[in-house]
Amino acid sequence: MTNTGQDVQRCRGCQMCYCESCPDQDIPLDSLIQLILMNDEEILTSRTLWSDTVLQSAHNACARELDLEAILLALREEAIRRGLVRPDGRTLDRV
């Protein structure tokens, strides 16, 4: 996540960023950060990453001041760059 200027290793999994009102979230934000640390590509096609509701709730959600919104947007760009999804967030097998 160097292109965002965010050090995701600062995440302590405190779950302060949890979005209870996001029904389209399949991976909680704190888990998503942990998956980034493990280089798990599952996040690039997750519903959480492509949810605009999650994106809005991510703004200022981190107690450690990680810019989760910037991280989500960078992950979206990476998924598109790798050809895993279309720019609208739909995976290629659901086109």
Protein backbone atom coordinates (compact mmCIF):
# COMPACT_ATOMS: atom_id res chain seq x y z
CA MET A 1 0.00 0.00 0.00
CA THR A 2 2.97 2.22 -0.51
CA ASN A 3 1.19 4.14 -3.27
CA THR A 4 -1.35 5.39 -0.67
CA GLY A 5 1.26 6.46 1.85
CA GLN A 6 -0.49 4.24 4.41
CA ASP A 7 1.36 1.77 6.62
CA VAL A 8 -1.21 -1.00 7.07
CA GLN A 9 1.06 -2.64 9.62
CA ARG A 10 -0.18 0.03 12.03
CA CYS A 11 -3.55 -1.75 12.16
CA ARG A 12 -4.01 -3.49 15.50
CA GLY A 13 -7.31 -5.17 14.67
CA CYS A 14 -9.19 -3.08 17.25
CA GLN A 15 -12.39 -3.36 15.13
CA MET A 16 -13.20 0.34 15.56
CA CYS A 17 -13.66 0.46 11.78
CA TYR A 18 -16.39 -2.21 11.84
CA CYS A 19 -19.41 -1.15 9.80
CA GLU A 20 -22.52 -2.76 11.30
CA SER A 21 -24.84 -1.05 8.82
CA CYS A 22 -23.10 -2.44 5.71
CA PRO A 23 -25.03 -5.55 4.62
CA ASP A 24 -22.92 -5.92 1.46
CA GLN A 25 -19.74 -6.32 3.50
CA ASP A 26 -18.43 -9.88 3.25
CA ILE A 27 -15.08 -9.13 4.91
CA PRO A 28 -14.96 -6.70 7.86
CA LEU A 29 -12.54 -3.81 7.31
CA ASP A 30 -10.19 -4.92 10.08
CA SER A 31 -10.01 -8.39 8.49
CA LEU A 32 -9.47 -6.82 5.09
CA ILE A 33 -6.40 -5.03 6.43
CA GLN A 34 -5.08 -8.29 7.86
CA LEU A 35 -5.60 -9.96 4.46
CA ILE A 36 -3.57 -7.15 2.86
CA LEU A 37 -0.75 -7.93 5.27
CA MET A 38 -0.93 -11.59 4.22
CA ASN A 39 -0.99 -10.66 0.49
CA ASP A 40 -4.30 -12.47 0.08
CA GLU A 41 -5.82 -11.65 -3.32
CA GLU A 42 -9.31 -12.60 -2.12
CA ILE A 43 -9.82 -8.99 -1.10
CA LEU A 44 -9.60 -7.77 -4.69
CA THR A 45 -12.90 -9.41 -5.60
CA SER A 46 -14.65 -9.10 -2.23
CA ARG A 47 -18.02 -7.34 -1.94
CA THR A 48 -16.53 -5.22 0.86
CA LEU A 49 -13.98 -3.66 -1.48
CA TRP A 50 -16.61 -2.73 -4.05
CA SER A 51 -19.27 -1.48 -1.63
CA ASP A 52 -19.84 2.27 -1.81
CA THR A 53 -21.49 2.08 1.63
CA VAL A 54 -18.32 0.58 3.10
CA LEU A 55 -16.22 3.15 1.27
CA GLN A 56 -18.24 5.99 2.81
CA SER A 57 -18.10 4.48 6.29
CA ALA A 58 -14.33 3.99 5.98
CA HIS A 59 -13.78 7.75 6.00
CA ASN A 60 -12.14 8.58 9.35
CA ALA A 61 -13.12 5.14 10.74
CA CYS A 62 -9.65 4.09 11.86
CA ALA A 63 -8.62 4.88 15.44
CA ARG A 64 -4.96 4.70 14.33
CA GLU A 65 -5.66 7.25 11.58
CA LEU A 66 -5.12 4.95 8.62
CA ASP A 67 -6.86 6.38 5.57
CA LEU A 68 -9.04 3.35 4.89
CA GLU A 69 -10.83 5.16 2.09
CA ALA A 70 -7.53 5.67 0.22
CA ILE A 71 -6.61 2.03 0.83
CA LEU A 72 -9.93 0.77 -0.55
CA LEU A 73 -9.64 2.97 -3.63
CA ALA A 74 -6.07 1.79 -4.27
CA LEU A 75 -7.20 -1.84 -3.97
CA ARG A 76 -10.01 -1.19 -6.45
CA GLU A 77 -7.51 0.24 -8.91
CA GLU A 78 -5.24 -2.76 -8.43
CA ALA A 79 -8.08 -5.22 -9.09
CA ILE A 80 -8.95 -3.40 -12.31
CA ARG A 81 -5.27 -3.22 -13.32
CA ARG A 82 -4.92 -6.97 -12.85
CA GLY A 83 -8.04 -7.61 -14.90
CA LEU A 84 -9.86 -9.30 -12.02
CA VAL A 85 -12.88 -7.02 -12.24
CA ARG A 86 -14.49 -4.52 -14.53
CA PRO A 87 -14.37 -0.84 -13.58
CA ASP A 88 -17.90 -1.16 -12.16
CA GLY A 89 -16.61 -3.70 -9.64
CA ARG A 90 -18.22 -6.77 -11.16
CA THR A 91 -15.96 -9.78 -11.43
CA LEU A 92 -15.29 -10.94 -14.93
CA ASP A 93 -17.13 -14.23 -14.41
CA ARG A 94 -20.32 -12.28 -13.57
CA VAL A 95 -20.23 -10.07 -16.67
